[in-house]
Structure formats: C-alpha cells, structure tokens
Amino acid sequence: DKVNKTRLKVNRVNLVQAIKLDDELLSKIRQLNLIDTQEHINIINKTTREDRVKILIDSLITKNHSRKDWYFVFRNLLEQNNYSDLVTFLDNTIIKKPEFVKKIFISSTRQMMS
C-alpha cells in the first residue's frame, strides 16, 4: 500500500497534467469506492481541472482504503480510459530506499550483531 501511494506521489505532476477528470471518469472512481461521497463533493467543487485531479490524487495518497486492491483498480481504470502512458510511468516507477538509509540499516545491524 505504501509503495503504491509513493508511486502516485512520485508521478503526481504527470497525473495532474494528463488526466482529464470529466464527470464520467469521476463517477466511475466513486462507484468503485476509490473515493467516498465527501471526497467526491470536494473534487466537483473545484473550479479547474488541475485542482480536481490534485484533490483526487491527494485523496488516494492520504486515505486508508477499504479496498485492498484500490491501486490496481485505479491503475486499470486509467488504462481503460486511454491513459496507458500514465500507467507505463506508474508501472516503471522504482520505489527503493535511498542509499543513506541502507547504510544506516547495515551499520546498525552490524552493531547489534557485535
């Protein structure tokens, strides 16, 4: 779940620039329980397309999802709505720990074993 939320964070600018969040797509997202009623209202109350997408992505990133497959549902919905380039970006996003975190982990593990 954390990895998939990070995928959205890393690709947020691309998603906001590319997604044309019309009423039909937003309704599908709501029907699939990716957002709740209040989130849906918050999105439709925004005046610009970009603001609507920002609220959507932020909602997906910050909420505790009731569906365990939320990310794959969202990903497949993008693919079905001609956003295969975005799906490629999401799929190719490599999420890994930065080098300094690895070094700290290795160092602390060695100290514990000594």
PDB file of N, CA and C in Angstrom:
ATOM      1  N   ASP A   1       0.826  -1.190   0.000  1.00  0.00           N
ATOM      2  CA  ASP A   1       0.000   0.000   0.000  1.00  0.00           C
ATOM      3  C   ASP A   1       0.871   1.254   0.000  1.00  0.00           C
ATOM      4  N   LYS A   2       1.886   1.261   0.843  1.00  0.00           N
ATOM      5  CA  LYS A   2       2.798   2.400   0.932  1.00  0.00           C
ATOM      6  C   LYS A   2       3.543   2.613  -0.386  1.00  0.00           C
ATOM      7  N   VAL A   3       3.957   1.531  -0.998  1.00  0.00           N
ATOM      8  CA  VAL A   3       4.674   1.611  -2.274  1.00  0.00           C
ATOM      9  C   VAL A   3       3.771   2.221  -3.348  1.00  0.00           C
ATOM     10  N   ASN A   4       2.530   1.790  -3.400  1.00  0.00           N
ATOM     11  CA  ASN A   4       1.616   2.305  -4.422  1.00  0.00           C
ATOM     12  C   ASN A   4       1.262   3.770  -4.181  1.00  0.00           C
ATOM     13  N   LYS A   5       1.140   4.159  -2.923  1.00  0.00           N
ATOM     14  CA  LYS A   5       0.918   5.574  -2.625  1.00  0.00           C
ATOM     15  C   LYS A   5       2.131   6.396  -3.039  1.00  0.00           C
ATOM     16  N   THR A   6       3.315   5.842  -2.837  1.00  0.00           N
ATOM     17  CA  THR A   6       4.537   6.529  -3.250  1.00  0.00           C
ATOM     18  C   THR A   6       4.589   6.657  -4.769  1.00  0.00           C
ATOM     19  N   ARG A   7       4.136   5.648  -5.480  1.00  0.00           N
ATOM     20  CA  ARG A   7       4.074   5.729  -6.950  1.00  0.00           C
ATOM     21  C   ARG A   7       3.248   6.941  -7.382  1.00  0.00           C
ATOM     22  N   LEU A   8       2.118   7.134  -6.715  1.00  0.00           N
ATOM     23  CA  LEU A   8       1.266   8.276  -7.059  1.00  0.00           C
ATOM     24  C   LEU A   8       1.937   9.597  -6.693  1.00  0.00           C
ATOM     25  N   LYS A   9       2.615   9.621  -5.537  1.00  0.00           N
ATOM     26  CA  LYS A   9       3.317  10.849  -5.130  1.00  0.00           C
ATOM     27  C   LYS A   9       4.387  11.226  -6.148  1.00  0.00           C
ATOM     28  N   VAL A  10       5.185  10.248  -6.532  1.00  0.00           N
ATOM     29  CA  VAL A  10       6.297  10.486  -7.459  1.00  0.00           C
ATOM     30  C   VAL A  10       5.776  10.963  -8.819  1.00  0.00           C
ATOM     31  N   ASN A  11       4.640  10.458  -9.232  1.00  0.00           N
ATOM     32  CA  ASN A  11       4.089  10.776 -10.551  1.00  0.00           C
ATOM     33  C   ASN A  11       2.953  11.805 -10.500  1.00  0.00           C
ATOM     34  N   ARG A  12       2.811  12.471  -9.369  1.00  0.00           N
ATOM     35  CA  ARG A  12       1.684  13.392  -9.175  1.00  0.00           C
ATOM     36  C   ARG A  12       1.611  14.468 -10.254  1.00  0.00           C
ATOM     37  N   VAL A  13       2.731  15.081 -10.587  1.00  0.00           N
ATOM     38  CA  VAL A  13       2.736  16.145 -11.599  1.00  0.00           C
ATOM     39  C   VAL A  13       2.261  15.599 -12.940  1.00  0.00           C
ATOM     40  N   ASN A  14       2.778  14.455 -13.347  1.00  0.00           N
ATOM     41  CA  ASN A  14       2.345  13.839 -14.609  1.00  0.00           C
ATOM     42  C   ASN A  14       0.854  13.535 -14.591  1.00  0.00           C
ATOM     43  N   LEU A  15       0.373  12.999 -13.480  1.00  0.00           N
ATOM     44  CA  LEU A  15      -1.040  12.657 -13.369  1.00  0.00           C
ATOM     45  C   LEU A  15      -1.911  13.909 -13.465  1.00  0.00           C
ATOM     46  N   VAL A  16      -1.527  14.947 -12.744  1.00  0.00           N
ATOM     47  CA  VAL A  16      -2.314  16.195 -12.740  1.00  0.00           C
ATOM     48  C   VAL A  16      -2.331  16.824 -14.134  1.00  0.00           C
ATOM     49  N   GLN A  17      -1.211  16.793 -14.814  1.00  0.00           N
ATOM     50  CA  GLN A  17      -1.152  17.407 -16.140  1.00  0.00           C
ATOM     51  C   GLN A  17      -1.923  16.616 -17.186  1.00  0.00           C
ATOM     52  N   ALA A  18      -1.981  15.312 -17.045  1.00  0.00           N
ATOM     53  CA  ALA A  18      -2.521  14.477 -18.115  1.00  0.00           C
ATOM     54  C   ALA A  18      -3.991  14.079 -17.960  1.00  0.00           C
ATOM     55  N   ILE A  19      -4.441  13.853 -16.735  1.00  0.00           N
ATOM     56  CA  ILE A  19      -5.793  13.306 -16.551  1.00  0.00           C
ATOM     57  C   ILE A  19      -6.846  14.378 -16.800  1.00  0.00           C
ATOM     58  N   LYS A  20      -7.770  14.055 -17.661  1.00  0.00           N
ATOM     59  CA  LYS A  20      -8.936  14.898 -17.922  1.00  0.00           C
ATOM     60  C   LYS A  20     -10.081  14.308 -17.102  1.00  0.00           C
ATOM     61  N   LEU A  21     -10.248  14.812 -15.908  1.00  0.00           N
ATOM     62  CA  LEU A  21     -11.189  14.234 -14.950  1.00  0.00           C
ATOM     63  C   LEU A  21     -12.600  14.750 -15.235  1.00  0.00           C
ATOM     64  N   ASP A  22     -13.254  14.111 -16.200  1.00  0.00           N
ATOM     65  CA  ASP A  22     -14.620  14.503 -16.511  1.00  0.00           C
ATOM     66  C   ASP A  22     -15.594  13.805 -15.567  1.00  0.00           C
ATOM     67  N   ASP A  23     -16.866  14.145 -15.680  1.00  0.00           N
ATOM     68  CA  ASP A  23     -17.879  13.593 -14.773  1.00  0.00           C
ATOM     69  C   ASP A  23     -17.993  12.078 -14.879  1.00  0.00           C
ATOM     70  N   GLU A  24     -17.836  11.558 -16.078  1.00  0.00           N
ATOM     71  CA  GLU A  24     -17.949  10.110 -16.279  1.00  0.00           C
ATOM     72  C   GLU A  24     -16.829   9.362 -15.567  1.00  0.00           C
ATOM     73  N   LEU A  25     -15.600   9.814 -15.731  1.00  0.00           N
ATOM     74  CA  LEU A  25     -14.464   9.163 -15.072  1.00  0.00           C
ATOM     75  C   LEU A  25     -14.576   9.296 -13.556  1.00  0.00           C
ATOM     76  N   LEU A  26     -14.946  10.475 -13.100  1.00  0.00           N
ATOM     77  CA  LEU A  26     -15.094  10.688 -11.662  1.00  0.00           C
ATOM     78  C   LEU A  26     -16.197   9.797 -11.085  1.00  0.00           C
ATOM     79  N   SER A  27     -17.278   9.629 -11.817  1.00  0.00           N
ATOM     80  CA  SER A  27     -18.361   8.752 -11.360  1.00  0.00           C
ATOM     81  C   SER A  27     -17.895   7.306 -11.256  1.00  0.00           C
ATOM     82  N   LYS A  28     -17.087   6.871 -12.213  1.00  0.00           N
ATOM     83  CA  LYS A  28     -16.547   5.510 -12.157  1.00  0.00           C
ATOM     84  C   LYS A  28     -15.667   5.336 -10.921  1.00  0.00           C
ATOM     85  N   ILE A  29     -14.842   6.350 -10.658  1.00  0.00           N
ATOM     86  CA  ILE A  29     -13.956   6.297  -9.491  1.00  0.00           C
ATOM     87  C   ILE A  29     -14.775   6.197  -8.215  1.00  0.00           C
ATOM     88  N   ARG A  30     -15.847   6.937  -8.145  1.00  0.00           N
ATOM     89  CA  ARG A  30     -16.735   6.901  -6.970  1.00  0.00           C
ATOM     90  C   ARG A  30     -17.452   5.552  -6.877  1.00  0.00           C
ATOM     91  N   GLN A  31     -17.974   5.067  -7.987  1.00  0.00           N
ATOM     92  CA  GLN A  31     -18.699   3.785  -8.000  1.00  0.00           C
ATOM     93  C   GLN A  31     -17.815   2.627  -7.580  1.00  0.00           C
ATOM     94  N   LEU A  32     -16.536   2.727  -7.864  1.00  0.00           N
ATOM     95  CA  LEU A  32     -15.589   1.672  -7.493  1.00  0.00           C
ATOM     96  C   LEU A  32     -15.074   1.839  -6.063  1.00  0.00           C
ATOM     97  N   ASN A  33     -15.635   2.796  -5.337  1.00  0.00           N
ATOM     98  CA  ASN A  33     -15.284   3.059  -3.939  1.00  0.00           C
ATOM     99  C   ASN A  33     -13.819   3.432  -3.731  1.00  0.00           C
ATOM    100  N   LEU A  34     -13.257   4.114  -4.715  1.00  0.00           N
ATOM    101  CA  LEU A  34     -11.898   4.614  -4.549  1.00  0.00           C
ATOM    102  C   LEU A  34     -11.898   5.922  -3.764  1.00  0.00           C
ATOM    103  N   ILE A  35     -13.019   6.633  -3.840  1.00  0.00           N
ATOM    104  CA  ILE A  35     -13.233   7.830  -3.032  1.00  0.00           C
ATOM    105  C   ILE A  35     -14.617   7.737  -2.407  1.00  0.00           C
ATOM    106  N   ASP A  36     -14.813   8.461  -1.321  1.00  0.00           N
ATOM    107  CA  ASP A  36     -16.135   8.456  -0.693  1.00  0.00           C
ATOM    108  C   ASP A  36     -16.938   9.674  -1.161  1.00  0.00           C
ATOM    109  N   THR A  37     -18.143   9.790  -0.656  1.00  0.00           N
ATOM    110  CA  THR A  37     -19.039  10.864  -1.083  1.00  0.00           C
ATOM    111  C   THR A  37     -18.462  12.242  -0.792  1.00  0.00           C
ATOM    112  N   GLN A  38     -17.902  12.421   0.386  1.00  0.00           N
ATOM    113  CA  GLN A  38     -17.341  13.729   0.733  1.00  0.00           C
ATOM    114  C   GLN A  38     -16.162  14.100  -0.173  1.00  0.00           C
ATOM    115  N   GLU A  39     -15.319  13.132  -0.463  1.00  0.00           N
ATOM    116  CA  GLU A  39     -14.190  13.384  -1.370  1.00  0.00           C
ATOM    117  C   GLU A  39     -14.708  13.744  -2.761  1.00  0.00           C
ATOM    118  N   HIS A  40     -15.743  13.052  -3.191  1.00  0.00           N
ATOM    119  CA  HIS A  40     -16.367  13.327  -4.493  1.00  0.00           C
ATOM    120  C   HIS A  40     -16.879  14.770  -4.533  1.00  0.00           C
ATOM    121  N   ILE A  41     -17.546  15.183  -3.476  1.00  0.00           N
ATOM    122  CA  ILE A  41     -18.063  16.561  -3.386  1.00  0.00           C
ATOM    123  C   ILE A  41     -16.912  17.565  -3.403  1.00  0.00           C
ATOM    124  N   ASN A  42     -15.859  17.276  -2.638  1.00  0.00           N
ATOM    125  CA  ASN A  42     -14.689  18.170  -2.616  1.00  0.00           C
ATOM    126  C   ASN A  42     -14.085  18.336  -4.008  1.00  0.00           C
ATOM    127  N   ILE A  43     -14.067  17.263  -4.759  1.00  0.00           N
ATOM    128  CA  ILE A  43     -13.491  17.306  -6.104  1.00  0.00           C
ATOM    129  C   ILE A  43     -14.372  18.118  -7.047  1.00  0.00           C
ATOM    130  N   ILE A  44     -15.666  17.851  -7.054  1.00  0.00           N
ATOM    131  CA  ILE A  44     -16.530  18.556  -8.011  1.00  0.00           C
ATOM    132  C   ILE A  44     -16.689  20.038  -7.675  1.00  0.00           C
ATOM    133  N   ASN A  45     -16.400  20.420  -6.443  1.00  0.00           N
ATOM    134  CA  ASN A  45     -16.485  21.831  -6.066  1.00  0.00           C
ATOM    135  C   ASN A  45     -15.280  22.654  -6.521  1.00  0.00           C
ATOM    136  N   LYS A  46     -14.242  22.009  -6.989  1.00  0.00           N
ATOM    137  CA  LYS A  46     -13.072  22.734  -7.500  1.00  0.00           C
ATOM    138  C   LYS A  46     -13.376  23.254  -8.906  1.00  0.00           C
ATOM    139  N   THR A  47     -12.825  24.419  -9.215  1.00  0.00           N
ATOM    140  CA  THR A  47     -13.178  25.057 -10.484  1.00  0.00           C
ATOM    141  C   THR A  47     -12.296  24.643 -11.657  1.00  0.00           C
ATOM    142  N   THR A  48     -11.043  24.289 -11.386  1.00  0.00           N
ATOM    143  CA  THR A  48     -10.169  23.922 -12.507  1.00  0.00           C
ATOM    144  C   THR A  48      -9.965  22.407 -12.568  1.00  0.00           C
ATOM    145  N   ARG A  49      -9.678  21.943 -13.758  1.00  0.00           N
ATOM    146  CA  ARG A  49      -9.413  20.517 -13.971  1.00  0.00           C
ATOM    147  C   ARG A  49      -8.225  20.078 -13.133  1.00  0.00           C
ATOM    148  N   GLU A  50      -7.177  20.901 -13.117  1.00  0.00           N
ATOM    149  CA  GLU A  50      -5.980  20.548 -12.365  1.00  0.00           C
ATOM    150  C   GLU A  50      -6.267  20.408 -10.875  1.00  0.00           C
ATOM    151  N   ASP A  51      -7.050  21.344 -10.332  1.00  0.00           N
ATOM    152  CA  ASP A  51      -7.388  21.271  -8.908  1.00  0.00           C
ATOM    153  C   ASP A  51      -8.202  20.019  -8.590  1.00  0.00           C
ATOM    154  N   ARG A  52      -9.080  19.640  -9.505  1.00  0.00           N
ATOM    155  CA  ARG A  52      -9.876  18.420  -9.302  1.00  0.00           C
ATOM    156  C   ARG A  52      -8.970  17.191  -9.234  1.00  0.00           C
ATOM    157  N   VAL A  53      -8.026  17.124 -10.156  1.00  0.00           N
ATOM    158  CA  VAL A  53      -7.116  15.971 -10.192  1.00  0.00           C
ATOM    159  C   VAL A  53      -6.206  15.974  -8.963  1.00  0.00           C
ATOM    160  N   LYS A  54      -5.746  17.150  -8.548  1.00  0.00           N
ATOM    161  CA  LYS A  54      -4.904  17.238  -7.351  1.00  0.00           C
ATOM    162  C   LYS A  54      -5.636  16.691  -6.133  1.00  0.00           C
ATOM    163  N   ILE A  55      -6.889  17.088  -5.963  1.00  0.00           N
ATOM    164  CA  ILE A  55      -7.682  16.607  -4.828  1.00  0.00           C
ATOM    165  C   ILE A  55      -7.861  15.092  -4.916  1.00  0.00           C
ATOM    166  N   LEU A  56      -8.126  14.596  -6.110  1.00  0.00           N
ATOM    167  CA  LEU A  56      -8.278  13.147  -6.296  1.00  0.00           C
ATOM    168  C   LEU A  56      -7.006  12.405  -5.898  1.00  0.00           C
ATOM    169  N   ILE A  57      -5.882  12.823  -6.452  1.00  0.00           N
ATOM    170  CA  ILE A  57      -4.614  12.133  -6.176  1.00  0.00           C
ATOM    171  C   ILE A  57      -4.279  12.238  -4.695  1.00  0.00           C
ATOM    172  N   ASP A  58      -4.448  13.412  -4.121  1.00  0.00           N
ATOM    173  CA  ASP A  58      -4.169  13.584  -2.693  1.00  0.00           C
ATOM    174  C   ASP A  58      -5.074  12.694  -1.839  1.00  0.00           C
ATOM    175  N   SER A  59      -6.319  12.558  -2.238  1.00  0.00           N
ATOM    176  CA  SER A  59      -7.237  11.663  -1.511  1.00  0.00           C
ATOM    177  C   SER A  59      -6.756  10.216  -1.581  1.00  0.00           C
ATOM    178  N   LEU A  60      -6.341   9.797  -2.776  1.00  0.00           N
ATOM    179  CA  LEU A  60      -5.863   8.423  -2.939  1.00  0.00           C
ATOM    180  C   LEU A  60      -4.596   8.171  -2.120  1.00  0.00           C
ATOM    181  N   ILE A  61      -3.750   9.194  -2.023  1.00  0.00           N
ATOM    182  CA  ILE A  61      -2.481   9.048  -1.308  1.00  0.00           C
ATOM    183  C   ILE A  61      -2.691   9.015   0.206  1.00  0.00           C
ATOM    184  N   THR A  62      -3.593   9.826   0.712  1.00  0.00           N
ATOM    185  CA  THR A  62      -3.687  10.023   2.162  1.00  0.00           C
ATOM    186  C   THR A  62      -4.691   9.132   2.876  1.00  0.00           C
ATOM    187  N   LYS A  63      -5.619   8.554   2.170  1.00  0.00           N
ATOM    188  CA  LYS A  63      -6.677   7.816   2.866  1.00  0.00           C
ATOM    189  C   LYS A  63      -6.282   6.369   3.181  1.00  0.00           C
ATOM    190  N   ASN A  64      -6.957   5.831   4.161  1.00  0.00           N
ATOM    191  CA  ASN A  64      -6.861   4.400   4.442  1.00  0.00           C
ATOM    192  C   ASN A  64      -7.954   3.726   3.630  1.00  0.00           C
ATOM    193  N   HIS A  65      -7.550   3.007   2.640  1.00  0.00           N
ATOM    194  CA  HIS A  65      -8.500   2.430   1.690  1.00  0.00           C
ATOM    195  C   HIS A  65      -9.189   1.196   2.254  1.00  0.00           C
ATOM    196  N   SER A  66     -10.486   1.139   2.024  1.00  0.00           N
ATOM    197  CA  SER A  66     -11.237  -0.043   2.444  1.00  0.00           C
ATOM    198  C   SER A  66     -10.981  -1.214   1.489  1.00  0.00           C
ATOM    199  N   ARG A  67     -10.695  -0.891   0.249  1.00  0.00           N
ATOM    200  CA  ARG A  67     -10.368  -1.924  -0.740  1.00  0.00           C
ATOM    201  C   ARG A  67      -8.864  -2.167  -0.737  1.00  0.00           C
ATOM    202  N   LYS A  68      -8.468  -3.396  -0.635  1.00  0.00           N
ATOM    203  CA  LYS A  68      -7.036  -3.719  -0.677  1.00  0.00           C
ATOM    204  C   LYS A  68      -6.468  -3.565  -2.088  1.00  0.00           C
ATOM    205  N   ASP A  69      -7.321  -3.678  -3.094  1.00  0.00           N
ATOM    206  CA  ASP A  69      -6.875  -3.605  -4.483  1.00  0.00           C
ATOM    207  C   ASP A  69      -7.074  -2.216  -5.098  1.00  0.00           C
ATOM    208  N   TRP A  70      -7.214  -1.192  -4.255  1.00  0.00           N
ATOM    209  CA  TRP A  70      -7.531   0.159  -4.730  1.00  0.00           C
ATOM    210  C   TRP A  70      -6.580   0.646  -5.811  1.00  0.00           C
ATOM    211  N   TYR A  71      -5.295   0.414  -5.631  1.00  0.00           N
ATOM    212  CA  TYR A  71      -4.320   0.921  -6.588  1.00  0.00           C
ATOM    213  C   TYR A  71      -4.491   0.252  -7.951  1.00  0.00           C
ATOM    214  N   PHE A  72      -4.682  -1.055  -7.943  1.00  0.00           N
ATOM    215  CA  PHE A  72      -4.813  -1.781  -9.205  1.00  0.00           C
ATOM    216  C   PHE A  72      -6.125  -1.429  -9.906  1.00  0.00           C
ATOM    217  N   VAL A  73      -7.153  -1.159  -9.139  1.00  0.00           N
ATOM    218  CA  VAL A  73      -8.419  -0.707  -9.715  1.00  0.00           C
ATOM    219  C   VAL A  73      -8.223   0.653 -10.375  1.00  0.00           C
ATOM    220  N   PHE A  74      -7.542   1.562  -9.672  1.00  0.00           N
ATOM    221  CA  PHE A  74      -7.272   2.888 -10.231  1.00  0.00           C
ATOM    222  C   PHE A  74      -6.390   2.785 -11.474  1.00  0.00           C
ATOM    223  N   ARG A  75      -5.350   1.987 -11.384  1.00  0.00           N
ATOM    224  CA  ARG A  75      -4.436   1.786 -12.499  1.00  0.00           C
ATOM    225  C   ARG A  75      -5.180   1.252 -13.720  1.00  0.00           C
ATOM    226  N   ASN A  76      -6.027   0.240 -13.519  1.00  0.00           N
ATOM    227  CA  ASN A  76      -6.776  -0.354 -14.624  1.00  0.00           C
ATOM    228  C   ASN A  76      -7.803   0.627 -15.194  1.00  0.00           C
ATOM    229  N   LEU A  77      -8.380   1.424 -14.351  1.00  0.00           N
ATOM    230  CA  LEU A  77      -9.321   2.443 -14.810  1.00  0.00           C
ATOM    231  C   LEU A  77      -8.616   3.459 -15.713  1.00  0.00           C
ATOM    232  N   LEU A  78      -7.411   3.852 -15.324  1.00  0.00           N
ATOM    233  CA  LEU A  78      -6.622   4.745 -16.185  1.00  0.00           C
ATOM    234  C   LEU A  78      -6.360   4.087 -17.541  1.00  0.00           C
ATOM    235  N   GLU A  79      -5.966   2.842 -17.486  1.00  0.00           N
ATOM    236  CA  GLU A  79      -5.653   2.122 -18.727  1.00  0.00           C
ATOM    237  C   GLU A  79      -6.887   2.020 -19.631  1.00  0.00           C
ATOM    238  N   GLN A  80      -8.035   1.746 -19.053  1.00  0.00           N
ATOM    239  CA  GLN A  80      -9.277   1.626 -19.820  1.00  0.00           C
ATOM    240  C   GLN A  80      -9.742   2.958 -20.406  1.00  0.00           C
ATOM    241  N   ASN A  81      -9.227   4.050 -19.855  1.00  0.00           N
ATOM    242  CA  ASN A  81      -9.639   5.379 -20.310  1.00  0.00           C
ATOM    243  C   ASN A  81      -8.532   6.093 -21.087  1.00  0.00           C
ATOM    244  N   ASN A  82      -7.732   5.290 -21.780  1.00  0.00           N
ATOM    245  CA  ASN A  82      -6.709   5.810 -22.709  1.00  0.00           C
ATOM    246  C   ASN A  82      -5.584   6.582 -22.037  1.00  0.00           C
ATOM    247  N   TYR A  83      -5.216   6.169 -20.840  1.00  0.00           N
ATOM    248  CA  TYR A  83      -4.072   6.764 -20.158  1.00  0.00           C
ATOM    249  C   TYR A  83      -2.955   5.739 -20.008  1.00  0.00           C
ATOM    250  N   SER A  84      -2.717   4.989 -21.063  1.00  0.00           N
ATOM    251  CA  SER A  84      -1.702   3.936 -20.987  1.00  0.00           C
ATOM    252  C   SER A  84      -0.304   4.506 -20.759  1.00  0.00           C
ATOM    253  N   ASP A  85      -0.031   5.720 -21.238  1.00  0.00           N
ATOM    254  CA  ASP A  85       1.279   6.343 -20.980  1.00  0.00           C
ATOM    255  C   ASP A  85       1.473   6.585 -19.487  1.00  0.00           C
ATOM    256  N   LEU A  86       0.418   7.031 -18.810  1.00  0.00           N
ATOM    257  CA  LEU A  86       0.499   7.237 -17.366  1.00  0.00           C
ATOM    258  C   LEU A  86       0.694   5.917 -16.630  1.00  0.00           C
ATOM    259  N   VAL A  87      -0.004   4.909 -17.082  1.00  0.00           N
ATOM    260  CA  VAL A  87       0.138   3.591 -16.469  1.00  0.00           C
ATOM    261  C   VAL A  87       1.565   3.095 -16.634  1.00  0.00           C
ATOM    262  N   THR A  88       2.170   3.350 -17.781  1.00  0.00           N
ATOM    263  CA  THR A  88       3.567   2.978 -18.007  1.00  0.00           C
ATOM    264  C   THR A  88       4.473   3.702 -17.020  1.00  0.00           C
ATOM    265  N   PHE A  89       4.241   5.011 -16.818  1.00  0.00           N
ATOM    266  CA  PHE A  89       5.018   5.755 -15.821  1.00  0.00           C
ATOM    267  C   PHE A  89       4.863   5.125 -14.445  1.00  0.00           C
ATOM    268  N   LEU A  90       3.623   4.824 -14.070  1.00  0.00           N
ATOM    269  CA  LEU A  90       3.373   4.238 -12.749  1.00  0.00           C
ATOM    270  C   LEU A  90       4.052   2.879 -12.618  1.00  0.00           C
ATOM    271  N   ASP A  91       3.896   2.055 -13.647  1.00  0.00           N
ATOM    272  CA  ASP A  91       4.482   0.706 -13.609  1.00  0.00           C
ATOM    273  C   ASP A  91       6.003   0.735 -13.558  1.00  0.00           C
ATOM    274  N   ASN A  92       6.605   1.742 -14.170  1.00  0.00           N
ATOM    275  CA  ASN A  92       8.062   1.812 -14.243  1.00  0.00           C
ATOM    276  C   ASN A  92       8.686   2.610 -13.102  1.00  0.00           C
ATOM    277  N   THR A  93       7.878   3.057 -12.193  1.00  0.00           N
ATOM    278  CA  THR A  93       8.399   3.793 -11.050  1.00  0.00           C
ATOM    279  C   THR A  93       9.004   2.805 -10.070  1.00  0.00           C
ATOM    280  N   ILE A  94      10.300   2.952  -9.848  1.00  0.00           N
ATOM    281  CA  ILE A  94      11.002   2.059  -8.936  1.00  0.00           C
ATOM    282  C   ILE A  94      11.062   2.721  -7.575  1.00  0.00           C
ATOM    283  N   ILE A  95      10.517   2.029  -6.609  1.00  0.00           N
ATOM    284  CA  ILE A  95      10.495   2.550  -5.250  1.00  0.00           C
ATOM    285  C   ILE A  95      11.518   1.757  -4.449  1.00  0.00           C
ATOM    286  N   LYS A  96      12.556   2.461  -3.989  1.00  0.00           N
ATOM    287  CA  LYS A  96      13.562   1.786  -3.173  1.00  0.00           C
ATOM    288  C   LYS A  96      14.079   2.758  -2.125  1.00  0.00           C
ATOM    289  N   LYS A  97      14.681   2.203  -1.114  1.00  0.00           N
ATOM    290  CA  LYS A  97      15.241   3.025  -0.058  1.00  0.00           C
ATOM    291  C   LYS A  97      16.452   3.781  -0.582  1.00  0.00           C
ATOM    292  N   PRO A  98      16.602   5.046  -0.179  1.00  0.00           N
ATOM    293  CA  PRO A  98      17.808   5.786  -0.578  1.00  0.00           C
ATOM    294  C   PRO A  98      19.055   5.129   0.006  1.00  0.00           C
ATOM    295  N   GLU A  99      20.201   5.345  -0.623  1.00  0.00           N
ATOM    296  CA  GLU A  99      21.466   4.735  -0.202  1.00  0.00           C
ATOM    297  C   GLU A  99      21.792   5.008   1.263  1.00  0.00           C
ATOM    298  N   PHE A 100      21.566   6.246   1.729  1.00  0.00           N
ATOM    299  CA  PHE A 100      21.952   6.554   3.103  1.00  0.00           C
ATOM    300  C   PHE A 100      21.125   5.744   4.106  1.00  0.00           C
ATOM    301  N   VAL A 101      19.881   5.409   3.747  1.00  0.00           N
ATOM    302  CA  VAL A 101      19.060   4.582   4.637  1.00  0.00           C
ATOM    303  C   VAL A 101      19.622   3.169   4.689  1.00  0.00           C
ATOM    304  N   LYS A 102      20.035   2.643   3.549  1.00  0.00           N
ATOM    305  CA  LYS A 102      20.644   1.312   3.516  1.00  0.00           C
ATOM    306  C   LYS A 102      21.901   1.266   4.370  1.00  0.00           C
ATOM    307  N   LYS A 103      22.737   2.300   4.248  1.00  0.00           N
ATOM    308  CA  LYS A 103      23.987   2.340   5.003  1.00  0.00           C
ATOM    309  C   LYS A 103      23.714   2.383   6.502  1.00  0.00           C
ATOM    310  N   ILE A 104      22.740   3.178   6.906  1.00  0.00           N
ATOM    311  CA  ILE A 104      22.383   3.256   8.323  1.00  0.00           C
ATOM    312  C   ILE A 104      21.864   1.915   8.818  1.00  0.00           C
ATOM    313  N   PHE A 105      21.017   1.270   8.010  1.00  0.00           N
ATOM    314  CA  PHE A 105      20.461  -0.027   8.388  1.00  0.00           C
ATOM    315  C   PHE A 105      21.576  -1.070   8.524  1.00  0.00           C
ATOM    316  N   ILE A 106      22.477  -1.121   7.556  1.00  0.00           N
ATOM    317  CA  ILE A 106      23.584  -2.098   7.591  1.00  0.00           C
ATOM    318  C   ILE A 106      24.468  -1.831   8.804  1.00  0.00           C
ATOM    319  N   SER A 107      24.772  -0.560   9.042  1.00  0.00           N
ATOM    320  CA  SER A 107      25.612  -0.187  10.168  1.00  0.00           C
ATOM    321  C   SER A 107      24.974  -0.581  11.499  1.00  0.00           C
ATOM    322  N   SER A 108      23.703  -0.286  11.663  1.00  0.00           N
ATOM    323  CA  SER A 108      23.037  -0.612  12.922  1.00  0.00           C
ATOM    324  C   SER A 108      22.880  -2.119  13.106  1.00  0.00           C
ATOM    325  N   THR A 109      22.682  -2.848  12.004  1.00  0.00           N
ATOM    326  CA  THR A 109      22.575  -4.302  12.072  1.00  0.00           C
ATOM    327  C   THR A 109      23.912  -4.901  12.513  1.00  0.00           C
ATOM    328  N   ARG A 110      24.998  -4.396  11.981  1.00  0.00           N
ATOM    329  CA  ARG A 110      26.323  -4.889  12.363  1.00  0.00           C
ATOM    330  C   ARG A 110      26.605  -4.609  13.852  1.00  0.00           C
ATOM    331  N   GLN A 111      26.211  -3.438  14.300  1.00  0.00           N
ATOM    332  CA  GLN A 111      26.419  -3.081  15.713  1.00  0.00           C
ATOM    333  C   GLN A 111      25.613  -4.002  16.636  1.00  0.00           C
ATOM    334  N   MET A 112      24.418  -4.335  16.212  1.00  0.00           N
ATOM    335  CA  MET A 112      23.577  -5.217  17.032  1.00  0.00           C
ATOM    336  C   MET A 112      24.149  -6.627  17.105  1.00  0.00           C
ATOM    337  N   MET A 113      24.799  -7.042  16.013  1.00  0.00           N
ATOM    338  CA  MET A 113      25.322  -8.400  15.961  1.00  0.00           C
ATOM    339  C   MET A 113      26.658  -8.513  16.717  1.00  0.00           C
ATOM    340  N   SER A 114      27.314  -7.388  16.972  1.00  0.00           N
ATOM    341  CA  SER A 114      28.617  -7.419  17.664  1.00  0.00           C
ATOM    342  C   SER A 114      28.459  -7.614  19.137  1.00  0.00           C
TER     343      SER A 114
END
